[in-house]
Protein backbone atom coordinates (compact mmCIF):
# COMPACT_ATOMS: atom_id res chain seq x y z
CA UNK A 1 -2.66 14.11 31.16
CA UNK A 2 -5.57 13.85 29.03
CA UNK A 3 -6.47 10.31 27.37
CA UNK A 4 -7.68 10.42 24.08
CA UNK A 5 -9.22 7.24 22.21
CA UNK A 6 -8.76 7.79 18.54
CA UNK A 7 -11.38 5.09 16.48
CA UNK A 8 -10.62 5.01 13.01
CA UNK A 9 -12.13 2.33 10.49
CA UNK A 10 -8.72 0.79 9.27
CA UNK A 11 -5.28 1.73 9.36
CA UNK A 12 -4.11 1.37 6.01
CA UNK A 13 -1.92 3.89 4.14
CA UNK A 14 -4.68 6.47 3.31
CA UNK A 15 -4.65 10.30 3.71
CA UNK A 16 -6.58 10.07 7.45
CA UNK A 17 -4.36 7.28 8.81
CA UNK A 18 -0.89 8.67 7.39
CA UNK A 19 -2.25 12.15 9.42
CA UNK A 20 -3.17 10.33 12.47
CA UNK A 21 -0.02 8.44 12.22
CA UNK A 22 1.92 12.06 12.04
CA UNK A 23 -0.23 13.55 14.97
CA UNK A 24 0.60 10.55 17.17
CA UNK A 25 4.46 11.06 16.27
CA UNK A 26 4.62 14.55 17.60
CA UNK A 27 1.97 14.76 20.38
CA UNK A 28 3.17 15.95 24.05
CA UNK A 29 2.98 12.63 26.19
CA UNK A 30 3.16 14.78 28.97
CA UNK A 31 -0.37 16.40 27.77
CA UNK A 32 -1.72 13.81 25.78
CA UNK A 33 -2.00 10.26 26.21
CA UNK A 34 -3.41 8.31 22.86
CA UNK A 35 -4.98 4.98 22.31
CA UNK A 36 -6.05 3.76 18.89
CA UNK A 37 -8.95 1.64 18.06
CA UNK A 38 -9.12 0.24 14.50
CA UNK A 39 -12.60 -1.19 13.65
CA UNK A 40 -11.38 -3.31 10.98
CA UNK A 41 -7.57 -4.50 11.54
CA UNK A 42 -4.00 -3.21 12.12
CA UNK A 43 -3.20 -2.55 8.40
CA UNK A 44 0.26 -1.11 7.59
CA UNK A 45 0.02 1.82 9.93
CA UNK A 46 -0.85 -0.26 12.90
CA UNK A 47 2.61 -1.69 13.77
CA UNK A 48 4.29 1.86 13.13
CA UNK A 49 1.92 3.34 15.80
CA UNK A 50 2.56 0.89 18.42
CA UNK A 51 6.51 1.29 17.45
CA UNK A 52 5.61 4.79 18.93
CA UNK A 53 4.39 3.41 22.46
CA UNK A 54 0.98 3.93 21.50
CA UNK A 55 -1.73 1.26 22.15
CA UNK A 56 -3.53 -0.29 19.33
CA UNK A 57 -6.84 -2.53 19.42
CA UNK A 58 -8.05 -4.00 16.33
CA UNK A 59 -11.72 -5.24 16.47
CA UNK A 60 -11.91 -7.44 13.38
CA UNK A 61 -15.11 -5.93 12.15
CA UNK A 62 -16.24 -6.83 8.52
CA UNK A 63 -16.96 -4.07 6.05
CA UNK A 64 -20.58 -3.35 6.47
CA UNK A 65 -22.86 -2.94 9.58
CA UNK A 66 -21.48 -3.55 13.27
CA UNK A 67 -22.58 -6.69 14.62
CA UNK A 68 -23.35 -7.23 18.27
CA UNK A 69 -20.43 -8.93 18.80
CA UNK A 70 -18.16 -6.16 17.11
CA UNK A 71 -19.84 -3.57 19.65
CA UNK A 72 -19.31 -5.64 22.55
CA UNK A 73 -15.51 -5.32 21.66
CA UNK A 74 -15.78 -1.51 21.61
CA UNK A 75 -17.24 -1.35 24.52
CA UNK A 76 -14.75 -3.40 26.31
CA UNK A 77 -12.08 -1.48 25.07
CA UNK A 78 -13.98 1.75 25.98
CA UNK A 79 -14.39 0.49 29.69
CA UNK A 80 -10.90 -0.39 29.83
CA UNK A 81 -9.00 2.60 28.70
CA UNK A 82 -11.74 5.15 30.27
CA UNK A 83 -10.81 8.08 28.06
CA UNK A 84 -11.35 11.49 28.98
CA UNK A 85 -11.82 12.44 25.12
CA UNK A 86 -13.20 10.28 22.46
CA UNK A 87 -12.14 11.25 18.51
CA UNK A 88 -13.36 9.63 15.29
CA UNK A 89 -11.96 9.83 12.17
CA UNK A 90 -13.84 9.70 9.15
CA UNK A 91 -17.54 8.80 8.83
CA UNK A 92 -17.26 5.31 10.12
CA UNK A 93 -14.98 6.14 12.61
CA UNK A 94 -17.16 9.03 13.67
CA UNK A 95 -20.16 7.38 14.24
CA UNK A 96 -18.36 4.31 16.16
CA UNK A 97 -16.95 7.27 18.35
CA UNK A 98 -20.42 8.58 19.17
CA UNK A 99 -21.50 4.90 19.73
CA UNK A 100 -18.41 4.49 22.16
CA UNK A 101 -19.49 7.40 24.17
CA UNK A 102 -22.45 5.45 25.58
CA UNK A 103 -20.19 2.98 27.00
CA UNK A 104 -18.17 5.54 29.20
CA UNK A 105 -19.15 6.03 32.77
CA UNK A 106 -20.44 9.61 32.21
CA UNK A 107 -20.55 12.24 29.51
CA UNK A 108 -17.45 11.79 27.77
CA UNK A 109 -16.86 14.86 25.13
CA UNK A 110 -16.72 13.33 21.26
CA UNK A 111 -14.76 14.93 18.32
CA UNK A 112 -15.37 13.99 14.96
CA UNK A 113 -12.81 14.25 12.06
CA UNK A 114 -13.73 14.85 8.37
CA UNK A 115 -11.24 14.77 5.66
CA UNK A 116 -12.28 14.97 2.24
CA UNK A 117 -15.11 16.40 0.14
CA UNK A 118 -17.00 13.53 -0.06
CA UNK A 119 -20.62 15.33 -0.93
CA UNK A 120 -21.29 13.78 -4.30
CA UNK A 121 -22.79 10.62 -2.75
CA UNK A 122 -23.42 9.20 -5.86
CA UNK A 123 -19.87 8.12 -6.13
CA UNK A 124 -19.72 6.81 -2.49
CA UNK A 125 -21.20 2.90 -1.68
CA UNK A 126 -24.57 2.89 -0.69
CA UNK A 127 -23.77 2.10 3.07
CA UNK A 128 -21.30 5.08 3.09
CA UNK A 129 -23.63 7.57 1.63
CA UNK A 130 -26.07 6.38 4.22
CA UNK A 131 -23.51 7.01 6.84
CA UNK A 132 -22.54 10.13 5.68
CA UNK A 133 -26.16 11.74 5.73
CA UNK A 134 -26.95 10.12 9.18
CA UNK A 135 -23.83 11.83 10.37
CA UNK A 136 -25.28 15.47 9.27
CA UNK A 137 -28.33 14.56 11.59
CA UNK A 138 -26.00 13.24 14.21
CA UNK A 139 -23.98 16.31 13.80
CA UNK A 140 -24.97 18.50 16.85
CA UNK A 141 -24.07 15.83 19.28
CA UNK A 142 -20.16 16.15 18.78
CA UNK A 143 -18.50 18.51 20.93
CA UNK A 144 -16.71 19.50 17.65
CA UNK A 145 -16.12 18.42 14.21
CA UNK A 146 -12.54 18.81 13.07
CA UNK A 147 -11.90 19.65 9.14
CA UNK A 148 -8.73 20.04 7.35
CA UNK A 149 -10.22 21.89 4.69
CA UNK A 150 -12.11 25.08 4.97
CA UNK A 151 -13.71 23.91 1.29
CA UNK A 152 -14.60 20.45 2.57
CA UNK A 153 -16.61 22.10 5.68
CA UNK A 154 -18.47 24.31 3.64
CA UNK A 155 -19.64 21.87 1.23
CA UNK A 156 -20.70 19.51 4.00
CA UNK A 157 -22.55 22.26 5.75
CA UNK A 158 -24.27 23.60 2.40
CA UNK A 159 -24.84 20.55 0.68
CA UNK A 160 -25.58 17.67 3.34
CA UNK A 161 -26.88 19.93 6.54
CA UNK A 162 -23.80 19.36 8.78
CA UNK A 163 -23.89 21.77 11.64
CA UNK A 164 -22.18 25.11 10.98
CA UNK A 165 -21.12 26.09 14.31
CA UNK A 166 -19.23 22.82 14.95
CA UNK A 167 -16.36 22.89 12.75
CA UNK A 168 -12.68 23.74 13.47
CA UNK A 169 -10.34 23.81 10.82
CA UNK A 170 -7.03 22.31 11.61
CA UNK A 171 -5.09 21.91 8.36
CA UNK A 172 -2.68 18.83 7.52
CA UNK A 173 0.84 18.94 8.82
CA UNK A 174 3.78 17.69 6.84
CA UNK A 175 7.03 16.50 8.26
CA UNK A 176 9.57 18.42 6.45
CA UNK A 177 12.69 16.35 8.08
CA UNK A 178 11.19 13.20 6.49
CA UNK A 179 9.67 14.60 3.01
CA UNK A 180 12.90 16.24 1.68
CA UNK A 181 14.64 16.66 -1.49
CA UNK A 182 17.11 13.62 -2.48
CA UNK A 183 19.13 13.28 -5.32
CA UNK A 184 19.79 9.78 -4.22
CA UNK A 185 16.08 8.84 -4.60
CA UNK A 186 15.70 9.99 -8.06
CA UNK A 187 18.80 7.56 -8.89
CA UNK A 188 17.30 4.87 -7.03
CA UNK A 189 13.85 4.96 -8.36
CA UNK A 190 14.92 5.13 -11.85
CA UNK A 191 17.18 1.99 -11.19
CA UNK A 192 14.48 0.17 -9.80
CA UNK A 193 11.94 1.02 -12.98
CA UNK A 194 15.05 0.12 -15.60
CA UNK A 195 14.80 3.51 -16.87
CA UNK A 196 17.78 6.13 -17.71
CA UNK A 197 19.06 8.53 -14.94
CA UNK A 198 17.87 11.52 -16.92
CA UNK A 199 14.37 10.04 -17.08
CA UNK A 200 11.70 12.42 -16.46
CA UNK A 201 9.23 11.01 -14.26
CA UNK A 202 5.48 12.72 -13.32
CA UNK A 203 3.56 10.95 -10.42
CA UNK A 204 0.35 10.34 -8.84
CA UNK A 205 -0.16 9.27 -5.32
CA UNK A 206 -3.42 7.89 -4.38
CA UNK A 207 -5.62 4.99 -3.80
CA UNK A 208 -7.87 3.61 -6.42
CA UNK A 209 -11.21 5.35 -6.50
CA UNK A 210 -13.21 7.32 -9.11
CA UNK A 211 -12.67 10.71 -7.37
CA UNK A 212 -9.07 10.39 -7.92
CA UNK A 213 -9.52 10.22 -11.42
CA UNK A 214 -6.74 7.89 -12.48
CA UNK A 215 -8.49 7.18 -15.95
CA UNK A 216 -8.35 11.05 -16.58
CA UNK A 217 -4.61 11.24 -15.67
CA UNK A 218 -3.54 8.37 -17.97
CA UNK A 219 -5.77 10.16 -20.88
CA UNK A 220 -3.41 13.21 -20.18
CA UNK A 221 -0.35 11.01 -19.90
CA UNK A 222 -1.47 9.98 -23.58
CA UNK A 223 -1.77 13.54 -24.75
CA UNK A 224 1.44 14.27 -23.26
CA UNK A 225 3.51 11.25 -24.83
CA UNK A 226 2.78 12.55 -28.35
CA UNK A 227 4.68 15.42 -27.65
CA UNK A 228 7.38 14.03 -24.99
CA UNK A 229 7.80 10.13 -25.69
CA UNK A 230 10.52 10.06 -23.18
CA UNK A 231 8.52 11.02 -20.04
CA UNK A 232 7.38 8.46 -17.87
CA UNK A 233 4.51 8.00 -15.36
CA UNK A 234 4.25 6.33 -11.81
CA UNK A 235 1.14 5.62 -10.24
CA UNK A 236 1.09 4.80 -6.39
CA UNK A 237 -1.59 3.45 -3.94
CA UNK A 238 -3.94 0.57 -2.76
CA UNK A 239 -5.36 -1.05 -5.85
CA UNK A 240 -2.98 0.85 -8.54
CA UNK A 241 -1.08 -2.18 -9.74
CA UNK A 242 -1.08 -4.70 -12.37
CA UNK A 243 -4.47 -6.66 -10.92
CA UNK A 244 -6.35 -3.62 -11.54
CA UNK A 245 -8.56 -4.67 -14.61
CA UNK A 246 -9.70 -1.13 -15.53
CA UNK A 247 -6.42 0.66 -15.38
CA UNK A 248 -4.68 -2.38 -17.67
CA UNK A 249 -7.56 -1.81 -20.28
CA UNK A 250 -7.00 1.92 -20.30
CA UNK A 251 -3.10 1.31 -20.68
CA UNK A 252 -3.60 -1.22 -23.41
CA UNK A 253 -6.08 1.35 -25.07
CA UNK A 254 -3.69 4.17 -25.10
CA UNK A 255 -0.39 2.53 -25.77
CA UNK A 256 0.88 3.44 -22.43
CA UNK A 257 1.97 0.16 -21.23
CA UNK A 258 5.87 1.16 -21.59
CA UNK A 259 5.68 4.50 -20.18
CA UNK A 260 3.29 3.93 -16.91
CA UNK A 261 4.56 2.17 -13.96
CA UNK A 262 1.90 1.04 -11.86
CA UNK A 263 3.72 0.52 -7.94
CA UNK A 264 0.58 -0.34 -5.99
CA UNK A 265 0.61 0.11 -2.15
CA UNK A 266 3.95 1.38 -0.61
CA UNK A 267 5.15 2.38 2.64
CA UNK A 268 8.34 3.99 1.37
CA UNK A 269 6.57 7.35 0.16
CA UNK A 270 9.29 9.99 1.17
CA UNK A 271 11.58 8.26 -1.05
CA UNK A 272 9.14 7.85 -3.86
CA UNK A 273 7.80 11.25 -4.02
CA UNK A 274 11.21 12.96 -3.41
CA UNK A 275 12.08 10.81 -6.83
CA UNK A 276 9.47 12.73 -8.97
CA UNK A 277 10.47 15.74 -11.19
CA UNK A 278 6.50 16.63 -11.12
CA UNK A 279 3.79 15.50 -8.78
CA UNK A 280 -0.06 15.42 -9.64
CA UNK A 281 -3.25 15.31 -7.93
CA UNK A 282 -5.67 14.82 -10.49
CA UNK A 283 -8.73 14.45 -8.24
CA UNK A 284 -12.45 15.47 -9.30
CA UNK A 285 -12.97 16.01 -5.27
CA UNK A 286 -10.65 16.75 -2.71
CA UNK A 287 -10.55 18.50 1.08
CA UNK A 288 -6.84 19.05 1.76
CA UNK A 289 -4.67 16.37 0.20
CA UNK A 290 -1.73 15.23 1.99
CA UNK A 291 0.24 14.20 -1.34
CA UNK A 292 0.50 17.88 -2.52
CA UNK A 293 2.18 19.25 0.37
CA UNK A 294 4.19 15.90 1.06
CA UNK A 295 5.53 16.43 -2.52
CA UNK A 296 6.06 20.18 -2.16
CA UNK A 297 8.00 19.32 0.97
CA UNK A 298 10.54 17.19 -1.22
CA UNK A 299 10.80 20.33 -3.62
CA UNK A 300 8.58 18.51 -6.37
CA UNK A 301 6.64 21.03 -8.21
CA UNK A 302 3.04 19.92 -8.39
CA UNK A 303 0.39 20.46 -10.89
CA UNK A 304 -3.49 20.02 -9.27
CA UNK A 305 -6.76 20.10 -10.17
CA UNK A 306 -8.68 23.48 -8.54
CA UNK A 307 -10.72 21.15 -5.90
CA UNK A 308 -10.88 21.32 -2.28
CA UNK A 309 -7.89 23.24 -0.94
CA UNK A 310 -5.42 22.12 -3.41
CA UNK A 311 -4.79 25.62 -5.10
CA UNK A 312 -4.40 27.53 -1.81
CA UNK A 313 -1.76 24.65 -0.71
CA UNK A 314 0.13 25.20 -4.05
CA UNK A 315 -0.39 28.79 -4.42
CA UNK A 316 2.09 30.16 -7.02
CA UNK A 317 4.43 27.47 -6.72
CA UNK A 318 2.63 24.94 -9.27
CA UNK A 319 0.19 24.85 -11.81
CA UNK A 320 -3.75 24.80 -11.47
CA UNK A 321 -6.32 23.10 -13.87
CA UNK A 322 -10.02 22.42 -14.03
CA UNK A 323 -11.08 18.89 -12.58
CA UNK A 324 -12.06 16.12 -15.31
CA UNK A 325 -10.00 17.95 -18.23
CA UNK A 326 -7.15 15.72 -18.99
CA UNK A 327 -6.02 18.34 -21.96
CA UNK A 328 -5.57 20.97 -19.43
CA UNK A 329 -3.77 18.45 -17.21
CA UNK A 330 -1.44 17.50 -20.19
CA UNK A 331 -0.81 21.19 -21.18
CA UNK A 332 -0.02 22.34 -17.67
CA UNK A 333 2.73 19.24 -17.63
CA UNK A 334 4.02 20.37 -20.79
CA UNK A 335 4.90 24.04 -19.50
CA UNK A 336 6.88 22.15 -16.59
CA UNK A 337 8.35 19.77 -18.61
CA UNK A 338 9.54 22.47 -21.18
CA UNK A 339 11.25 24.03 -18.38
CA UNK A 340 14.81 23.40 -17.78
CA UNK A 341 16.02 21.29 -14.94
CA UNK A 342 17.30 24.10 -12.83
CA UNK A 343 14.13 26.00 -13.16
CA UNK A 344 12.14 23.03 -12.20
CA UNK A 345 13.92 22.66 -9.26
CA UNK A 346 13.78 26.61 -8.30
CA UNK A 347 10.13 26.00 -8.34
CA UNK A 348 10.43 22.91 -6.17
CA UNK A 349 12.57 25.01 -3.66
CA UNK A 350 9.80 27.71 -3.46
CA UNK A 351 7.19 24.96 -2.97
CA UNK A 352 9.03 23.43 -0.01
CA UNK A 353 9.47 26.94 1.93
CA UNK A 354 5.94 27.29 1.27
CA UNK A 355 5.22 24.33 3.51
CA UNK A 356 7.73 25.01 5.95
CA UNK A 357 6.22 28.62 6.51
CA UNK A 358 2.51 27.69 6.38
CA UNK A 359 1.74 23.83 7.15
CA UNK A 360 4.41 22.63 9.51
CA UNK A 361 3.76 19.33 11.23
CA UNK A 362 4.52 20.97 14.81
CA UNK A 363 2.22 23.99 14.10
CA UNK A 364 -0.91 21.33 13.40
CA UNK A 365 -0.09 19.09 16.21
CA UNK A 366 -0.19 22.23 18.54
CA UNK A 367 -3.58 23.11 17.32
CA UNK A 368 -4.64 19.49 17.99
CA UNK A 369 -3.37 19.68 21.71
CA UNK A 370 -4.86 23.05 22.20
CA UNK A 371 -8.40 21.78 21.22
CA UNK A 372 -8.24 18.75 23.44
CA UNK A 373 -7.30 20.84 26.41
CA UNK A 374 -10.25 23.34 25.73
CA UNK A 375 -12.58 20.71 25.11
CA UNK A 376 -11.66 18.96 28.26
CA UNK A 377 -11.73 22.06 30.40
CA UNK A 378 -15.29 22.65 28.99
CA UNK A 379 -16.70 19.41 29.89
CA UNK A 380 -16.93 18.23 33.22
CA UNK A 381 -15.75 14.42 32.95
CA UNK A 382 -15.36 12.18 35.81
CA UNK A 383 -13.00 9.13 35.96
């Protein structure tokens, strides 16, 4: 059995965190024994991982550069668990994983995991931008760098200088037994929002960040309601709530307060996603967005911006528009809104079938297991 120590910044409900949860849910425990280290806290996902029987350590680091005390905590965990492989998740986690390998008894191989096309460093905090650049300089150290997106890997290689020979592309996997079509979800969410049972809902799931372009989404919404006044919009994600001053300002300025529902961070995404009529990714940059595949798995047709692998995921089952173009986004929505309910459902059925055939969770978990076995056999790891 190969013990794999996963190191991640935090355990909120972001895409990387959810993929880690799905991986641990499906991993063959006779082949791999996982342990998770969160640099910050256990967040919303930590207890769910622990419920799988996976140990979770929270180091309690504050955001920013690690302190000697936090590094000591990390060293203690690594020495206690003595893993055969250490895997980082995202830039901060990758750097921590590389540091953690220094505390092992021998040359324990390290894997990095990069998700998303974070190559426009002006959109990142100063510290994150520095860590991304520093990661490029260190990218020869890990045994391999996993990326869920071909577009992201190429972008990191060409724009920042990450090593081209290190990439392993493993797409996101979607649990089609959890993300399923649901007529009951449609009824429940409309009741929760105080809407009529036949209200048409367009949704976007994603944390509040400039790259997700929530403002562009709202501009497109303002455009669409001029033609379809009965359409409603749902925004779900960390920081997407009534306390968000910028979003509230845009809503008031566009007279969208009654049409847009800010639900904030939620843990019931299968229910919320299945309740939508149209799902959207308005991002200006992406790698391999989980939320698109999850919506398709729920039988919900998608309108996505042509960034990262979004267009590849959707294929011919939805609409693809240029990023940063609210008018094009509104026009694509308009095409789907104008369809009959049966036509939209048929489009969603085809979308779900595409996910089942190309992006099943079982297939993706198997790719991770195979990589762990390959790396373990290639490296002479002492115990």
